[in-house]
Amino acid sequence: PQSMTIACDLDGVLAEYNMPTHHLFSKWGPMRPMLGDPDRWFWYDAYGATAEMIAAATAEQTVDWWATLPKHRDFTPRVAALLTELHARTELTFVSARSCPREASLRWLATHLPELDGPQVIHTPRKALLLSALQPDHYLDDAWTLVRDYLQLMPQAAARTHLVERRYNQREMAPSPRRALSTEHALEVILDAVNGGRE
């Protein structure tokens, strides 16, 4: 039988992006403290980052910076085990809107998921369009804007689109994705579907 296809985001789901980025901004000017998740998706201005600070910080987001981002607090040993099993049993692709070479994500995955042999990674600024072309059986992300855009293109995919709950993505949308309490929770639901359980 044909393998299921799974699309999984990186930043905010597996890797911690917001705090390291806030730290970069803080090198160039005063910032409102960030304790845990930001309180909104588009948080740069609200936390005090000026255009000049954003430009300076962006210049420091090198391949090495992206490749050495810390794991997200949700990245538990069980998450690693679930991803390893899904990689072995499905067509698992990591799809990211990162504006850096794929090498950075491949290095990050090699560090934190060394059991994955030749993981598939796609970087694209047009993530919703790519996903609508891929039509994965399951899609996991934390970005409510990308999930919204994808479901506007593919409303029939709502039941197989998993939005991991974060402080910054508490938005109602229609059609509504499946909301997961954590990355681990979402992956457990996906693995259950792979095993033939109820979706």
C-alpha atoms as a PDB file:
ATOM      1  CA  PRO A   1       0.000   0.000   0.000  1.00  0.00           C
ATOM      2  CA  GLN A   2       1.085   3.569  -0.654  1.00  0.00           C
ATOM      3  CA  SER A   3       2.611   5.332   2.337  1.00  0.00           C
ATOM      4  CA  MET A   4       0.855   8.247   3.960  1.00  0.00           C
ATOM      5  CA  THR A   5       2.420  11.645   3.359  1.00  0.00           C
ATOM      6  CA  ILE A   6       3.127  13.888   6.342  1.00  0.00           C
ATOM      7  CA  ALA A   7       4.207  17.553   6.213  1.00  0.00           C
ATOM      8  CA  CYS A   8       5.748  18.946   9.402  1.00  0.00           C
ATOM      9  CA  ASP A   9       6.876  22.486  10.188  1.00  0.00           C
ATOM     10  CA  LEU A  10      10.146  23.197  12.000  1.00  0.00           C
ATOM     11  CA  ASP A  11      10.194  26.546  13.842  1.00  0.00           C
ATOM     12  CA  GLY A  12       7.683  26.784  16.674  1.00  0.00           C
ATOM     13  CA  VAL A  13       6.926  23.063  16.398  1.00  0.00           C
ATOM     14  CA  LEU A  14      10.356  21.432  16.771  1.00  0.00           C
ATOM     15  CA  ALA A  15      12.833  24.324  16.964  1.00  0.00           C
ATOM     16  CA  GLU A  16      12.675  27.427  19.182  1.00  0.00           C
ATOM     17  CA  TYR A  17      12.720  30.551  17.001  1.00  0.00           C
ATOM     18  CA  ASN A  18      11.114  33.399  18.932  1.00  0.00           C
ATOM     19  CA  MET A  19      13.414  33.651  21.964  1.00  0.00           C
ATOM     20  CA  PRO A  20      16.680  33.469  19.964  1.00  0.00           C
ATOM     21  CA  THR A  21      15.336  36.116  17.573  1.00  0.00           C
ATOM     22  CA  HIS A  22      14.308  38.338  20.491  1.00  0.00           C
ATOM     23  CA  HIS A  23      17.842  37.927  21.855  1.00  0.00           C
ATOM     24  CA  LEU A  24      19.292  39.097  18.533  1.00  0.00           C
ATOM     25  CA  PHE A  25      17.080  42.184  18.541  1.00  0.00           C
ATOM     26  CA  SER A  26      18.139  42.953  22.116  1.00  0.00           C
ATOM     27  CA  LYS A  27      21.743  43.289  20.982  1.00  0.00           C
ATOM     28  CA  TRP A  28      20.742  46.292  18.867  1.00  0.00           C
ATOM     29  CA  GLY A  29      18.291  48.127  21.111  1.00  0.00           C
ATOM     30  CA  PRO A  30      15.866  47.930  24.065  1.00  0.00           C
ATOM     31  CA  MET A  31      13.161  45.283  23.836  1.00  0.00           C
ATOM     32  CA  ARG A  32      10.074  44.480  25.883  1.00  0.00           C
ATOM     33  CA  PRO A  33      10.879  41.297  27.851  1.00  0.00           C
ATOM     34  CA  MET A  34       9.658  38.026  26.367  1.00  0.00           C
ATOM     35  CA  LEU A  35       8.676  35.365  28.862  1.00  0.00           C
ATOM     36  CA  GLY A  36       7.823  32.224  26.946  1.00  0.00           C
ATOM     37  CA  ASP A  37       5.794  32.584  23.763  1.00  0.00           C
ATOM     38  CA  PRO A  38       5.064  36.052  22.384  1.00  0.00           C
ATOM     39  CA  ASP A  39       1.444  37.148  22.734  1.00  0.00           C
ATOM     40  CA  ARG A  40       0.887  37.587  18.989  1.00  0.00           C
ATOM     41  CA  TRP A  41       2.105  36.105  15.707  1.00  0.00           C
ATOM     42  CA  PHE A  42       3.539  39.345  14.256  1.00  0.00           C
ATOM     43  CA  TRP A  43       5.412  40.351  17.399  1.00  0.00           C
ATOM     44  CA  TYR A  44       8.539  42.249  16.299  1.00  0.00           C
ATOM     45  CA  ASP A  45       7.124  45.790  16.459  1.00  0.00           C
ATOM     46  CA  ALA A  46       5.031  45.101  19.554  1.00  0.00           C
ATOM     47  CA  TYR A  47       8.120  44.016  21.493  1.00  0.00           C
ATOM     48  CA  GLY A  48      10.148  47.054  20.445  1.00  0.00           C
ATOM     49  CA  ALA A  49      12.094  46.035  17.344  1.00  0.00           C
ATOM     50  CA  THR A  50      12.652  48.902  14.897  1.00  0.00           C
ATOM     51  CA  ALA A  51      13.300  48.463  11.185  1.00  0.00           C
ATOM     52  CA  GLU A  52      17.001  49.104  11.814  1.00  0.00           C
ATOM     53  CA  MET A  53      17.138  46.483  14.582  1.00  0.00           C
ATOM     54  CA  ILE A  54      15.332  43.938  12.401  1.00  0.00           C
ATOM     55  CA  ALA A  55      17.764  44.553   9.528  1.00  0.00           C
ATOM     56  CA  ALA A  56      20.782  44.186  11.824  1.00  0.00           C
ATOM     57  CA  ALA A  57      19.436  41.001  13.400  1.00  0.00           C
ATOM     58  CA  THR A  58      18.489  39.480  10.040  1.00  0.00           C
ATOM     59  CA  ALA A  59      22.072  39.897   8.885  1.00  0.00           C
ATOM     60  CA  GLU A  60      23.143  37.741  11.845  1.00  0.00           C
ATOM     61  CA  GLN A  61      20.725  34.935  10.973  1.00  0.00           C
ATOM     62  CA  THR A  62      23.381  32.921   9.166  1.00  0.00           C
ATOM     63  CA  VAL A  63      23.294  29.239   8.275  1.00  0.00           C
ATOM     64  CA  ASP A  64      25.084  28.523  11.559  1.00  0.00           C
ATOM     65  CA  TRP A  65      22.476  30.525  13.507  1.00  0.00           C
ATOM     66  CA  TRP A  66      19.597  28.565  11.991  1.00  0.00           C
ATOM     67  CA  ALA A  67      21.420  25.238  12.296  1.00  0.00           C
ATOM     68  CA  THR A  68      22.074  25.723  16.015  1.00  0.00           C
ATOM     69  CA  LEU A  69      18.653  26.939  17.190  1.00  0.00           C
ATOM     70  CA  PRO A  70      17.649  25.172  20.419  1.00  0.00           C
ATOM     71  CA  LYS A  71      14.949  22.559  20.532  1.00  0.00           C
ATOM     72  CA  HIS A  72      11.469  23.816  21.326  1.00  0.00           C
ATOM     73  CA  ARG A  73      10.301  23.052  24.869  1.00  0.00           C
ATOM     74  CA  ASP A  74       7.743  20.719  23.240  1.00  0.00           C
ATOM     75  CA  PHE A  75      10.499  18.606  21.709  1.00  0.00           C
ATOM     76  CA  THR A  76      10.376  15.692  24.150  1.00  0.00           C
ATOM     77  CA  PRO A  77      12.075  12.298  23.777  1.00  0.00           C
ATOM     78  CA  ARG A  78       8.656  10.966  22.783  1.00  0.00           C
ATOM     79  CA  VAL A  79       8.475  13.532  19.955  1.00  0.00           C
ATOM     80  CA  ALA A  80      11.833  12.262  18.666  1.00  0.00           C
ATOM     81  CA  ALA A  81      10.586   8.658  18.837  1.00  0.00           C
ATOM     82  CA  LEU A  82       7.327   9.514  17.044  1.00  0.00           C
ATOM     83  CA  LEU A  83       9.114  11.374  14.249  1.00  0.00           C
ATOM     84  CA  THR A  84      11.586   8.522  13.843  1.00  0.00           C
ATOM     85  CA  GLU A  85       8.736   6.036  13.487  1.00  0.00           C
ATOM     86  CA  LEU A  86       6.797   8.272  11.094  1.00  0.00           C
ATOM     87  CA  HIS A  87       9.926   8.785   9.002  1.00  0.00           C
ATOM     88  CA  ALA A  88      10.334   5.001   8.723  1.00  0.00           C
ATOM     89  CA  ARG A  89       6.688   4.291   7.897  1.00  0.00           C
ATOM     90  CA  THR A  90       5.474   7.311   5.923  1.00  0.00           C
ATOM     91  CA  GLU A  91       6.678   9.910   3.447  1.00  0.00           C
ATOM     92  CA  LEU A  92       7.641  12.563   6.027  1.00  0.00           C
ATOM     93  CA  THR A  93       8.665  15.983   4.712  1.00  0.00           C
ATOM     94  CA  PHE A  94       9.757  18.965   6.777  1.00  0.00           C
ATOM     95  CA  VAL A  95       8.319  22.073   5.121  1.00  0.00           C
ATOM     96  CA  SER A  96       9.545  25.464   6.303  1.00  0.00           C
ATOM     97  CA  ALA A  97       9.272  29.116   5.319  1.00  0.00           C
ATOM     98  CA  ARG A  98      12.860  29.674   6.545  1.00  0.00           C
ATOM     99  CA  SER A  99      14.810  32.184   4.463  1.00  0.00           C
ATOM    100  CA  CYS A 100      18.059  30.234   4.632  1.00  0.00           C
ATOM    101  CA  PRO A 101      19.663  27.361   2.712  1.00  0.00           C
ATOM    102  CA  ARG A 102      18.281  23.867   3.301  1.00  0.00           C
ATOM    103  CA  GLU A 103      21.698  22.944   4.705  1.00  0.00           C
ATOM    104  CA  ALA A 104      20.777  24.725   7.952  1.00  0.00           C
ATOM    105  CA  SER A 105      17.664  22.605   8.493  1.00  0.00           C
ATOM    106  CA  LEU A 106      19.444  19.391   7.504  1.00  0.00           C
ATOM    107  CA  ARG A 107      22.161  20.161  10.068  1.00  0.00           C
ATOM    108  CA  TRP A 108      19.544  20.928  12.724  1.00  0.00           C
ATOM    109  CA  LEU A 109      17.756  17.650  12.045  1.00  0.00           C
ATOM    110  CA  ALA A 110      21.035  15.699  12.070  1.00  0.00           C
ATOM    111  CA  THR A 111      21.766  17.129  15.524  1.00  0.00           C
ATOM    112  CA  HIS A 112      18.377  16.557  17.114  1.00  0.00           C
ATOM    113  CA  LEU A 113      16.983  13.631  15.102  1.00  0.00           C
ATOM    114  CA  PRO A 114      20.083  11.612  14.185  1.00  0.00           C
ATOM    115  CA  GLU A 115      18.019   8.454  13.589  1.00  0.00           C
ATOM    116  CA  LEU A 116      16.417   9.999  10.506  1.00  0.00           C
ATOM    117  CA  ASP A 117      18.174   8.725   7.403  1.00  0.00           C
ATOM    118  CA  GLY A 118      18.098  11.313   4.613  1.00  0.00           C
ATOM    119  CA  PRO A 119      15.187  13.485   5.803  1.00  0.00           C
ATOM    120  CA  GLN A 120      13.278  15.391   3.133  1.00  0.00           C
ATOM    121  CA  VAL A 121      13.364  19.177   3.674  1.00  0.00           C
ATOM    122  CA  ILE A 122      11.709  21.894   1.601  1.00  0.00           C
ATOM    123  CA  HIS A 123      12.131  25.636   2.153  1.00  0.00           C
ATOM    124  CA  THR A 124       9.636  27.923   0.445  1.00  0.00           C
ATOM    125  CA  PRO A 125       8.227  31.426   1.019  1.00  0.00           C
ATOM    126  CA  ARG A 126       4.954  30.201  -0.566  1.00  0.00           C
ATOM    127  CA  LYS A 127       4.194  27.446   1.875  1.00  0.00           C
ATOM    128  CA  ALA A 128       0.409  27.322   1.493  1.00  0.00           C
ATOM    129  CA  LEU A 129       0.696  26.960  -2.286  1.00  0.00           C
ATOM    130  CA  LEU A 130       3.329  24.244  -1.953  1.00  0.00           C
ATOM    131  CA  LEU A 131       1.195  22.322   0.525  1.00  0.00           C
ATOM    132  CA  SER A 132      -1.848  22.588  -1.726  1.00  0.00           C
ATOM    133  CA  ALA A 133       0.252  20.977  -4.466  1.00  0.00           C
ATOM    134  CA  LEU A 134       1.681  18.289  -2.150  1.00  0.00           C
ATOM    135  CA  GLN A 135      -1.739  17.533  -0.586  1.00  0.00           C
ATOM    136  CA  PRO A 136      -0.249  15.699   2.411  1.00  0.00           C
ATOM    137  CA  ASP A 137      -2.402  13.236   4.324  1.00  0.00           C
ATOM    138  CA  HIS A 138      -1.501  15.167   7.498  1.00  0.00           C
ATOM    139  CA  TYR A 139       0.018  18.607   8.035  1.00  0.00           C
ATOM    140  CA  LEU A 140       1.394  19.942  11.346  1.00  0.00           C
ATOM    141  CA  ASP A 141       2.225  23.619  12.035  1.00  0.00           C
ATOM    142  CA  ASP A 142       2.050  26.395  14.644  1.00  0.00           C
ATOM    143  CA  ALA A 143       1.531  29.310  12.215  1.00  0.00           C
ATOM    144  CA  TRP A 144      -2.145  30.204  12.171  1.00  0.00           C
ATOM    145  CA  THR A 145      -1.644  32.496   9.152  1.00  0.00           C
ATOM    146  CA  LEU A 146      -0.178  29.676   7.046  1.00  0.00           C
ATOM    147  CA  VAL A 147      -2.800  27.194   8.228  1.00  0.00           C
ATOM    148  CA  ARG A 148      -5.529  29.719   7.384  1.00  0.00           C
ATOM    149  CA  ASP A 149      -4.121  30.316   3.903  1.00  0.00           C
ATOM    150  CA  TYR A 150      -3.725  26.588   3.259  1.00  0.00           C
ATOM    151  CA  LEU A 151      -7.274  25.773   4.358  1.00  0.00           C
ATOM    152  CA  GLN A 152      -8.662  28.538   2.171  1.00  0.00           C
ATOM    153  CA  LEU A 153      -7.068  26.678  -0.739  1.00  0.00           C
ATOM    154  CA  MET A 154      -7.820  23.184   0.603  1.00  0.00           C
ATOM    155  CA  PRO A 155     -10.866  23.367   2.938  1.00  0.00           C
ATOM    156  CA  GLN A 156     -11.348  19.602   2.686  1.00  0.00           C
ATOM    157  CA  ALA A 157      -8.010  19.129   4.494  1.00  0.00           C
ATOM    158  CA  ALA A 158      -9.181  20.726   7.773  1.00  0.00           C
ATOM    159  CA  ALA A 159      -9.623  17.421   9.634  1.00  0.00           C
ATOM    160  CA  ARG A 160      -6.057  16.404   8.700  1.00  0.00           C
ATOM    161  CA  THR A 161      -4.436  19.758   9.486  1.00  0.00           C
ATOM    162  CA  HIS A 162      -3.025  19.991  12.999  1.00  0.00           C
ATOM    163  CA  LEU A 163      -2.399  23.398  14.606  1.00  0.00           C
ATOM    164  CA  VAL A 164      -0.229  23.073  17.719  1.00  0.00           C
ATOM    165  CA  GLU A 165      -1.588  25.360  20.448  1.00  0.00           C
ATOM    166  CA  ARG A 166       0.596  28.346  21.187  1.00  0.00           C
ATOM    167  CA  ARG A 167      -0.102  31.645  22.908  1.00  0.00           C
ATOM    168  CA  TYR A 168       0.222  33.468  19.579  1.00  0.00           C
ATOM    169  CA  ASN A 169      -2.156  31.359  17.480  1.00  0.00           C
ATOM    170  CA  GLN A 170      -5.422  31.565  19.417  1.00  0.00           C
ATOM    171  CA  ARG A 171      -7.423  32.672  16.393  1.00  0.00           C
ATOM    172  CA  GLU A 172     -10.744  31.386  15.191  1.00  0.00           C
ATOM    173  CA  MET A 173     -10.810  30.453  11.524  1.00  0.00           C
ATOM    174  CA  ALA A 174     -13.118  28.692   9.131  1.00  0.00           C
ATOM    175  CA  PRO A 175     -12.623  26.002   8.143  1.00  0.00           C
ATOM    176  CA  SER A 176     -11.074  25.164  11.480  1.00  0.00           C
ATOM    177  CA  PRO A 177      -8.014  22.891  11.813  1.00  0.00           C
ATOM    178  CA  ARG A 178      -7.595  20.244  14.479  1.00  0.00           C
ATOM    179  CA  ARG A 179      -5.993  21.843  17.519  1.00  0.00           C
ATOM    180  CA  ALA A 180      -3.327  19.887  19.377  1.00  0.00           C
ATOM    181  CA  LEU A 181      -2.238  20.639  22.935  1.00  0.00           C
ATOM    182  CA  SER A 182       1.402  19.973  22.052  1.00  0.00           C
ATOM    183  CA  THR A 183       3.656  18.703  19.283  1.00  0.00           C
ATOM    184  CA  GLU A 184       3.631  15.299  20.951  1.00  0.00           C
ATOM    185  CA  HIS A 185      -0.166  15.240  21.022  1.00  0.00           C
ATOM    186  CA  ALA A 186      -0.399  16.055  17.316  1.00  0.00           C
ATOM    187  CA  LEU A 187       2.134  13.381  16.369  1.00  0.00           C
ATOM    188  CA  GLU A 188       0.335  10.774  18.492  1.00  0.00           C
ATOM    189  CA  VAL A 189      -2.900  11.527  16.608  1.00  0.00           C
ATOM    190  CA  ILE A 190      -1.091  11.269  13.276  1.00  0.00           C
ATOM    191  CA  LEU A 191       0.570   7.970  14.221  1.00  0.00           C
ATOM    192  CA  ASP A 192      -2.796   6.615  15.311  1.00  0.00           C
ATOM    193  CA  ALA A 193      -4.115   7.444  11.830  1.00  0.00           C
ATOM    194  CA  VAL A 194      -1.129   5.706  10.241  1.00  0.00           C
ATOM    195  CA  ASN A 195      -1.917   2.648  12.372  1.00  0.00           C
ATOM    196  CA  GLY A 196      -5.457   2.649  11.036  1.00  0.00           C
ATOM    197  CA  GLY A 197      -7.112   4.296  14.013  1.00  0.00           C
ATOM    198  CA  ARG A 198      -9.798   6.929  13.886  1.00  0.00           C
ATOM    199  CA  GLU A 199      -8.675  10.296  12.590  1.00  0.00           C
END
